[in-house]
Amino acid sequence: MTLSVNLIPAYLSALLLVLMSLVCTACLWTANWAAVRQVPSRAHLLFGGAIACLGLWLISFPVIVGVRVHFLGMTALTLILGWRFAILAGSAAVLAHTLAIGQPAMSVPAAWLLTVAVPATVSRWLVYQLRNTRAQNLFIYMLGAGFGGGALSSLAATLSAVALLWLSGQQALVTLALENWPAALLLLFPEGFINGMVITALTVFYPDLVKTFDDEHYFSG
């Protein structure tokens, strides 16, 4: 999701920039780079995932003045790469997307929050919750984490955008968004379908490539 830089006050963009810098630095420091060097396919997934997200985000459309929406794909990226690498790949894609659409640099922090940080965090949280249920049915992961995670991350990003507009004092846009809330629901199913389809295919044919898939948990029963 892309918000026009004119909608976000400078101080809020600066705070989001600090948050983005801290999170990305922590991910760079704590990510398991040794695993990427040892398994070349991991590096291919890292760079390919960033490019795939960029291509997906370039297909966007306006919903209200200054707000453009697009499919996210961050759920699939998070389940495949893990949270840290998904944040790093998504951050690179956000920078490239901002340049591609000609937005000012200060629009990056808000786009990063809504397009990368929130969806990735929600998707990873859902994986933990599903694993804690102790259910060992494979479809719990594929449909719950894949399809359900995609839909939930889209909803979380939308709610975060409304909250960000409210904090920015854009009351007219918040009211307009709330009046047209059914439009947000139209994105939930296709977002869930895209992510669920990718995760289902990889889990069935290439389970070793999906970092968050625990085959011992789901197949031990």
C-alpha atoms as a PDB file:
ATOM      1  CA  MET A   1       0.000   0.000   0.000  1.00  0.00           C
ATOM      2  CA  THR A   2       1.328   3.428  -0.974  1.00  0.00           C
ATOM      3  CA  LEU A   3       0.397   6.672   0.753  1.00  0.00           C
ATOM      4  CA  SER A   4       1.225  10.025  -0.785  1.00  0.00           C
ATOM      5  CA  VAL A   5       4.017  11.750   1.128  1.00  0.00           C
ATOM      6  CA  ASN A   6       1.750  14.786   1.454  1.00  0.00           C
ATOM      7  CA  LEU A   7      -0.596  12.816   3.713  1.00  0.00           C
ATOM      8  CA  ILE A   8       2.017  12.003   6.354  1.00  0.00           C
ATOM      9  CA  PRO A   9       3.531  14.783   8.512  1.00  0.00           C
ATOM     10  CA  ALA A  10       7.316  15.065   8.473  1.00  0.00           C
ATOM     11  CA  TYR A  11       7.757  14.139  12.138  1.00  0.00           C
ATOM     12  CA  LEU A  12       5.776  10.910  11.689  1.00  0.00           C
ATOM     13  CA  SER A  13       7.745   9.958   8.572  1.00  0.00           C
ATOM     14  CA  ALA A  14      10.948  10.605  10.545  1.00  0.00           C
ATOM     15  CA  LEU A  15       9.796   8.324  13.378  1.00  0.00           C
ATOM     16  CA  LEU A  16       8.911   5.595  10.895  1.00  0.00           C
ATOM     17  CA  LEU A  17      12.309   6.033   9.247  1.00  0.00           C
ATOM     18  CA  VAL A  18      14.015   5.473  12.604  1.00  0.00           C
ATOM     19  CA  LEU A  19      11.888   2.386  13.202  1.00  0.00           C
ATOM     20  CA  MET A  20      12.675   1.049   9.729  1.00  0.00           C
ATOM     21  CA  SER A  21      16.397   1.643  10.217  1.00  0.00           C
ATOM     22  CA  LEU A  22      16.459  -0.089  13.611  1.00  0.00           C
ATOM     23  CA  VAL A  23      14.483  -3.108  12.417  1.00  0.00           C
ATOM     24  CA  CYS A  24      16.522  -3.568   9.237  1.00  0.00           C
ATOM     25  CA  THR A  25      19.792  -3.185  11.139  1.00  0.00           C
ATOM     26  CA  ALA A  26      18.680  -5.796  13.670  1.00  0.00           C
ATOM     27  CA  CYS A  27      17.669  -8.157  10.857  1.00  0.00           C
ATOM     28  CA  LEU A  28      20.999  -7.681   9.079  1.00  0.00           C
ATOM     29  CA  TRP A  29      22.855  -8.388  12.319  1.00  0.00           C
ATOM     30  CA  THR A  30      20.881 -11.433  13.477  1.00  0.00           C
ATOM     31  CA  ALA A  31      19.951 -13.119  10.183  1.00  0.00           C
ATOM     32  CA  ASN A  32      21.505 -16.520   9.502  1.00  0.00           C
ATOM     33  CA  TRP A  33      23.751 -15.558   6.604  1.00  0.00           C
ATOM     34  CA  ALA A  34      25.739 -18.769   6.967  1.00  0.00           C
ATOM     35  CA  ALA A  35      22.691 -20.760   5.843  1.00  0.00           C
ATOM     36  CA  VAL A  36      22.379 -18.558   2.754  1.00  0.00           C
ATOM     37  CA  ARG A  37      26.035 -19.134   1.854  1.00  0.00           C
ATOM     38  CA  GLN A  38      25.783 -22.882   2.425  1.00  0.00           C
ATOM     39  CA  VAL A  39      22.595 -23.357   0.393  1.00  0.00           C
ATOM     40  CA  PRO A  40      22.660 -21.372  -2.883  1.00  0.00           C
ATOM     41  CA  SER A  41      18.927 -21.853  -3.387  1.00  0.00           C
ATOM     42  CA  ARG A  42      18.344 -19.679  -0.319  1.00  0.00           C
ATOM     43  CA  ALA A  43      20.112 -16.771  -2.001  1.00  0.00           C
ATOM     44  CA  HIS A  44      18.039 -17.326  -5.133  1.00  0.00           C
ATOM     45  CA  LEU A  45      14.856 -17.245  -3.045  1.00  0.00           C
ATOM     46  CA  LEU A  46      15.999 -14.081  -1.284  1.00  0.00           C
ATOM     47  CA  PHE A  47      16.660 -12.106  -4.461  1.00  0.00           C
ATOM     48  CA  GLY A  48      13.863 -13.741  -6.435  1.00  0.00           C
ATOM     49  CA  GLY A  49      11.368 -13.016  -3.661  1.00  0.00           C
ATOM     50  CA  ALA A  50      12.277  -9.327  -3.670  1.00  0.00           C
ATOM     51  CA  ILE A  51      11.870  -9.151  -7.461  1.00  0.00           C
ATOM     52  CA  ALA A  52       8.561 -11.035  -7.336  1.00  0.00           C
ATOM     53  CA  CYS A  53       7.180  -8.637  -4.718  1.00  0.00           C
ATOM     54  CA  LEU A  54       8.311  -5.649  -6.769  1.00  0.00           C
ATOM     55  CA  GLY A  55       6.489  -6.975  -9.826  1.00  0.00           C
ATOM     56  CA  LEU A  56       3.359  -7.650  -7.792  1.00  0.00           C
ATOM     57  CA  TRP A  57       3.386  -4.192  -6.215  1.00  0.00           C
ATOM     58  CA  LEU A  58       3.702  -2.435  -9.558  1.00  0.00           C
ATOM     59  CA  ILE A  59       0.163  -3.629 -10.314  1.00  0.00           C
ATOM     60  CA  SER A  60      -1.703  -1.092  -8.173  1.00  0.00           C
ATOM     61  CA  PHE A  61      -4.819   1.039  -8.327  1.00  0.00           C
ATOM     62  CA  PRO A  62      -6.082   4.118  -6.451  1.00  0.00           C
ATOM     63  CA  VAL A  63      -8.854   3.759  -3.881  1.00  0.00           C
ATOM     64  CA  ILE A  64      -8.992   7.263  -2.425  1.00  0.00           C
ATOM     65  CA  VAL A  65      -6.980  10.406  -3.137  1.00  0.00           C
ATOM     66  CA  GLY A  66      -3.329   9.792  -2.308  1.00  0.00           C
ATOM     67  CA  VAL A  67      -3.785   6.106  -1.496  1.00  0.00           C
ATOM     68  CA  ARG A  68      -2.940   3.267  -3.869  1.00  0.00           C
ATOM     69  CA  VAL A  69      -3.353  -0.399  -2.994  1.00  0.00           C
ATOM     70  CA  HIS A  70      -1.841  -3.564  -4.405  1.00  0.00           C
ATOM     71  CA  PHE A  71      -1.465  -7.194  -3.467  1.00  0.00           C
ATOM     72  CA  LEU A  72       1.270  -7.806  -0.903  1.00  0.00           C
ATOM     73  CA  GLY A  73       2.722 -11.297  -1.254  1.00  0.00           C
ATOM     74  CA  MET A  74       4.566 -10.829   2.038  1.00  0.00           C
ATOM     75  CA  THR A  75       2.920 -13.824   3.671  1.00  0.00           C
ATOM     76  CA  ALA A  76       4.441 -16.236   1.166  1.00  0.00           C
ATOM     77  CA  LEU A  77       7.789 -14.443   1.380  1.00  0.00           C
ATOM     78  CA  THR A  78       7.772 -14.647   5.190  1.00  0.00           C
ATOM     79  CA  LEU A  79       6.837 -18.316   5.290  1.00  0.00           C
ATOM     80  CA  ILE A  80       9.525 -19.172   2.748  1.00  0.00           C
ATOM     81  CA  LEU A  81      12.400 -17.021   4.010  1.00  0.00           C
ATOM     82  CA  GLY A  82      11.566 -16.445   7.653  1.00  0.00           C
ATOM     83  CA  TRP A  83      10.762 -13.096   9.251  1.00  0.00           C
ATOM     84  CA  ARG A  84      14.230 -11.513   9.154  1.00  0.00           C
ATOM     85  CA  PHE A  85      15.036 -12.261   5.533  1.00  0.00           C
ATOM     86  CA  ALA A  86      11.483 -11.357   4.495  1.00  0.00           C
ATOM     87  CA  ILE A  87      11.935  -7.946   6.119  1.00  0.00           C
ATOM     88  CA  LEU A  88      15.233  -7.419   4.294  1.00  0.00           C
ATOM     89  CA  ALA A  89      13.938  -8.594   0.907  1.00  0.00           C
ATOM     90  CA  GLY A  90      10.736  -6.577   1.337  1.00  0.00           C
ATOM     91  CA  SER A  91      12.684  -3.454   2.316  1.00  0.00           C
ATOM     92  CA  ALA A  92      14.799  -3.707  -0.836  1.00  0.00           C
ATOM     93  CA  ALA A  93      11.628  -4.154  -2.886  1.00  0.00           C
ATOM     94  CA  VAL A  94      10.039  -1.082  -1.249  1.00  0.00           C
ATOM     95  CA  LEU A  95      13.039   1.060  -2.172  1.00  0.00           C
ATOM     96  CA  ALA A  96      12.960  -0.182  -5.761  1.00  0.00           C
ATOM     97  CA  HIS A  97       9.185   0.279  -5.961  1.00  0.00           C
ATOM     98  CA  THR A  98       9.431   3.868  -4.707  1.00  0.00           C
ATOM     99  CA  LEU A  99      11.987   4.675  -7.393  1.00  0.00           C
ATOM    100  CA  ALA A 100       9.952   2.899 -10.073  1.00  0.00           C
ATOM    101  CA  ILE A 101       6.761   4.870  -9.404  1.00  0.00           C
ATOM    102  CA  GLY A 102       8.553   8.173  -8.897  1.00  0.00           C
ATOM    103  CA  GLN A 103       7.585   8.772  -5.279  1.00  0.00           C
ATOM    104  CA  PRO A 104       9.740  10.937  -2.962  1.00  0.00           C
ATOM    105  CA  ALA A 105      12.187   9.129  -0.686  1.00  0.00           C
ATOM    106  CA  MET A 106      10.287  10.181   2.433  1.00  0.00           C
ATOM    107  CA  SER A 107       7.322   8.057   1.335  1.00  0.00           C
ATOM    108  CA  VAL A 108       9.422   4.908   1.885  1.00  0.00           C
ATOM    109  CA  PRO A 109       8.959   4.558   5.693  1.00  0.00           C
ATOM    110  CA  ALA A 110       5.146   4.564   5.544  1.00  0.00           C
ATOM    111  CA  ALA A 111       5.135   2.170   2.588  1.00  0.00           C
ATOM    112  CA  TRP A 112       7.593  -0.085   4.426  1.00  0.00           C
ATOM    113  CA  LEU A 113       5.393  -0.194   7.513  1.00  0.00           C
ATOM    114  CA  LEU A 114       2.195  -1.039   5.624  1.00  0.00           C
ATOM    115  CA  THR A 115       3.635  -3.249   2.886  1.00  0.00           C
ATOM    116  CA  VAL A 116       6.450  -5.095   4.667  1.00  0.00           C
ATOM    117  CA  ALA A 117       6.604  -4.815   8.460  1.00  0.00           C
ATOM    118  CA  VAL A 118       2.950  -5.303   9.356  1.00  0.00           C
ATOM    119  CA  PRO A 119       2.180  -8.173   6.898  1.00  0.00           C
ATOM    120  CA  ALA A 120       5.420 -10.025   7.690  1.00  0.00           C
ATOM    121  CA  THR A 121       4.923  -9.740  11.442  1.00  0.00           C
ATOM    122  CA  VAL A 122       1.280 -10.814  11.311  1.00  0.00           C
ATOM    123  CA  SER A 123       2.126 -13.777   9.077  1.00  0.00           C
ATOM    124  CA  ARG A 124       4.928 -14.966  11.369  1.00  0.00           C
ATOM    125  CA  TRP A 125       2.732 -14.535  14.444  1.00  0.00           C
ATOM    126  CA  LEU A 126       0.034 -16.675  12.842  1.00  0.00           C
ATOM    127  CA  VAL A 127       2.527 -19.483  12.150  1.00  0.00           C
ATOM    128  CA  TYR A 128       3.433 -19.553  15.844  1.00  0.00           C
ATOM    129  CA  GLN A 129      -0.213 -19.601  16.869  1.00  0.00           C
ATOM    130  CA  LEU A 130      -1.048 -22.470  14.513  1.00  0.00           C
ATOM    131  CA  ARG A 131       1.942 -24.469  15.718  1.00  0.00           C
ATOM    132  CA  ASN A 132       0.888 -23.958  19.343  1.00  0.00           C
ATOM    133  CA  THR A 133      -2.507 -25.529  18.619  1.00  0.00           C
ATOM    134  CA  ARG A 134      -0.635 -28.864  18.313  1.00  0.00           C
ATOM    135  CA  ALA A 135      -2.795 -29.726  15.295  1.00  0.00           C
ATOM    136  CA  GLN A 136      -0.748 -31.937  12.974  1.00  0.00           C
ATOM    137  CA  ASN A 137      -2.846 -31.737   9.824  1.00  0.00           C
ATOM    138  CA  LEU A 138      -0.818 -30.454   6.870  1.00  0.00           C
ATOM    139  CA  PHE A 139      -3.759 -28.372   5.684  1.00  0.00           C
ATOM    140  CA  ILE A 140      -3.565 -26.378   8.918  1.00  0.00           C
ATOM    141  CA  TYR A 141      -0.281 -24.973   7.661  1.00  0.00           C
ATOM    142  CA  MET A 142      -1.102 -24.622   3.966  1.00  0.00           C
ATOM    143  CA  LEU A 143      -4.570 -23.130   4.382  1.00  0.00           C
ATOM    144  CA  GLY A 144      -4.168 -21.549   7.807  1.00  0.00           C
ATOM    145  CA  ALA A 145      -0.735 -19.987   7.429  1.00  0.00           C
ATOM    146  CA  GLY A 146      -0.813 -19.588   3.635  1.00  0.00           C
ATOM    147  CA  PHE A 147      -4.361 -18.614   2.727  1.00  0.00           C
ATOM    148  CA  GLY A 148      -5.376 -17.346   6.169  1.00  0.00           C
ATOM    149  CA  GLY A 149      -2.101 -15.500   6.666  1.00  0.00           C
ATOM    150  CA  GLY A 150      -2.477 -13.704   3.354  1.00  0.00           C
ATOM    151  CA  ALA A 151      -6.009 -12.566   4.136  1.00  0.00           C
ATOM    152  CA  LEU A 152      -5.134 -11.571   7.703  1.00  0.00           C
ATOM    153  CA  SER A 153      -2.036  -9.638   6.631  1.00  0.00           C
ATOM    154  CA  SER A 154      -4.085  -7.712   4.066  1.00  0.00           C
ATOM    155  CA  LEU A 155      -6.641  -6.810   6.722  1.00  0.00           C
ATOM    156  CA  ALA A 156      -3.904  -5.782   9.171  1.00  0.00           C
ATOM    157  CA  ALA A 157      -2.242  -3.570   6.548  1.00  0.00           C
ATOM    158  CA  THR A 158      -5.562  -1.869   5.789  1.00  0.00           C
ATOM    159  CA  LEU A 159      -6.305  -1.213   9.457  1.00  0.00           C
ATOM    160  CA  SER A 160      -2.758   0.085   9.955  1.00  0.00           C
ATOM    161  CA  ALA A 161      -3.188   2.467   7.031  1.00  0.00           C
ATOM    162  CA  VAL A 162      -6.399   3.857   8.536  1.00  0.00           C
ATOM    163  CA  ALA A 163      -4.638   4.263  11.902  1.00  0.00           C
ATOM    164  CA  LEU A 164      -1.699   6.009  10.225  1.00  0.00           C
ATOM    165  CA  LEU A 165      -4.035   8.413   8.420  1.00  0.00           C
ATOM    166  CA  TRP A 166      -5.790   9.128  11.722  1.00  0.00           C
ATOM    167  CA  LEU A 167      -2.469   9.863  13.449  1.00  0.00           C
ATOM    168  CA  SER A 168      -1.611  12.148  10.531  1.00  0.00           C
ATOM    169  CA  GLY A 169      -4.776  14.188  11.095  1.00  0.00           C
ATOM    170  CA  GLN A 170      -6.406  13.114   7.826  1.00  0.00           C
ATOM    171  CA  GLN A 171      -9.877  12.853   9.336  1.00  0.00           C
ATOM    172  CA  ALA A 172     -11.680  13.308   6.028  1.00  0.00           C
ATOM    173  CA  LEU A 173      -9.807  10.364   4.486  1.00  0.00           C
ATOM    174  CA  VAL A 174     -10.386   8.237   7.580  1.00  0.00           C
ATOM    175  CA  THR A 175     -14.114   8.915   7.370  1.00  0.00           C
ATOM    176  CA  LEU A 176     -14.107   8.126   3.651  1.00  0.00           C
ATOM    177  CA  ALA A 177     -12.227   4.889   4.260  1.00  0.00           C
ATOM    178  CA  LEU A 178     -14.621   3.796   7.001  1.00  0.00           C
ATOM    179  CA  GLU A 179     -17.628   4.576   4.831  1.00  0.00           C
ATOM    180  CA  ASN A 180     -16.223   2.366   2.073  1.00  0.00           C
ATOM    181  CA  TRP A 181     -14.927  -0.452   4.285  1.00  0.00           C
ATOM    182  CA  PRO A 182     -16.496  -3.262   2.163  1.00  0.00           C
ATOM    183  CA  ALA A 183     -13.970  -2.414  -0.580  1.00  0.00           C
ATOM    184  CA  ALA A 184     -11.163  -3.599   1.712  1.00  0.00           C
ATOM    185  CA  LEU A 185     -12.792  -7.017   1.980  1.00  0.00           C
ATOM    186  CA  LEU A 186     -12.488  -7.477  -1.789  1.00  0.00           C
ATOM    187  CA  LEU A 187      -8.708  -7.781  -1.377  1.00  0.00           C
ATOM    188  CA  LEU A 188      -8.789 -10.436   1.332  1.00  0.00           C
ATOM    189  CA  PHE A 189      -9.694 -13.478  -0.776  1.00  0.00           C
ATOM    190  CA  PRO A 190      -7.334 -12.842  -3.731  1.00  0.00           C
ATOM    191  CA  GLU A 191      -4.491 -11.986  -1.330  1.00  0.00           C
ATOM    192  CA  GLY A 192      -5.141 -15.207   0.544  1.00  0.00           C
ATOM    193  CA  PHE A 193      -5.413 -17.172  -2.700  1.00  0.00           C
ATOM    194  CA  ILE A 194      -2.122 -15.874  -4.124  1.00  0.00           C
ATOM    195  CA  ASN A 195      -0.163 -16.632  -0.970  1.00  0.00           C
ATOM    196  CA  GLY A 196      -1.961 -19.899  -0.286  1.00  0.00           C
ATOM    197  CA  MET A 197      -1.309 -21.145  -3.821  1.00  0.00           C
ATOM    198  CA  VAL A 198       2.422 -20.390  -3.601  1.00  0.00           C
ATOM    199  CA  ILE A 199       2.818 -21.953  -0.156  1.00  0.00           C
ATOM    200  CA  THR A 200       0.783 -25.042  -1.078  1.00  0.00           C
ATOM    201  CA  ALA A 201       2.860 -25.681  -4.200  1.00  0.00           C
ATOM    202  CA  LEU A 202       6.189 -25.262  -2.433  1.00  0.00           C
ATOM    203  CA  THR A 203       5.141 -27.230   0.647  1.00  0.00           C
ATOM    204  CA  VAL A 204       4.051 -30.191  -1.484  1.00  0.00           C
ATOM    205  CA  PHE A 205       6.892 -30.258  -4.026  1.00  0.00           C
ATOM    206  CA  TYR A 206       9.779 -28.429  -2.308  1.00  0.00           C
ATOM    207  CA  PRO A 207       9.165 -28.467   1.465  1.00  0.00           C
ATOM    208  CA  ASP A 208      12.857 -27.893   2.213  1.00  0.00           C
ATOM    209  CA  LEU A 209      12.587 -24.420   0.680  1.00  0.00           C
ATOM    210  CA  VAL A 210       9.873 -23.294   3.118  1.00  0.00           C
ATOM    211  CA  LYS A 211      11.725 -22.215   6.249  1.00  0.00           C
ATOM    212  CA  THR A 212       8.727 -22.009   8.563  1.00  0.00           C
ATOM    213  CA  PHE A 213       7.375 -25.443   7.580  1.00  0.00           C
ATOM    214  CA  ASP A 214       8.130 -27.971  10.316  1.00  0.00           C
ATOM    215  CA  ASP A 215       7.754 -31.397   8.694  1.00  0.00           C
ATOM    216  CA  GLU A 216       8.421 -33.195  11.969  1.00  0.00           C
ATOM    217  CA  HIS A 217       5.472 -31.398  13.562  1.00  0.00           C
ATOM    218  CA  TYR A 218       2.991 -31.871  10.719  1.00  0.00           C
ATOM    219  CA  PHE A 219       4.026 -35.402   9.683  1.00  0.00           C
ATOM    220  CA  SER A 220       4.850 -36.973  13.047  1.00  0.00           C
ATOM    221  CA  GLY A 221       1.203 -37.897  13.585  1.00  0.00           C
END
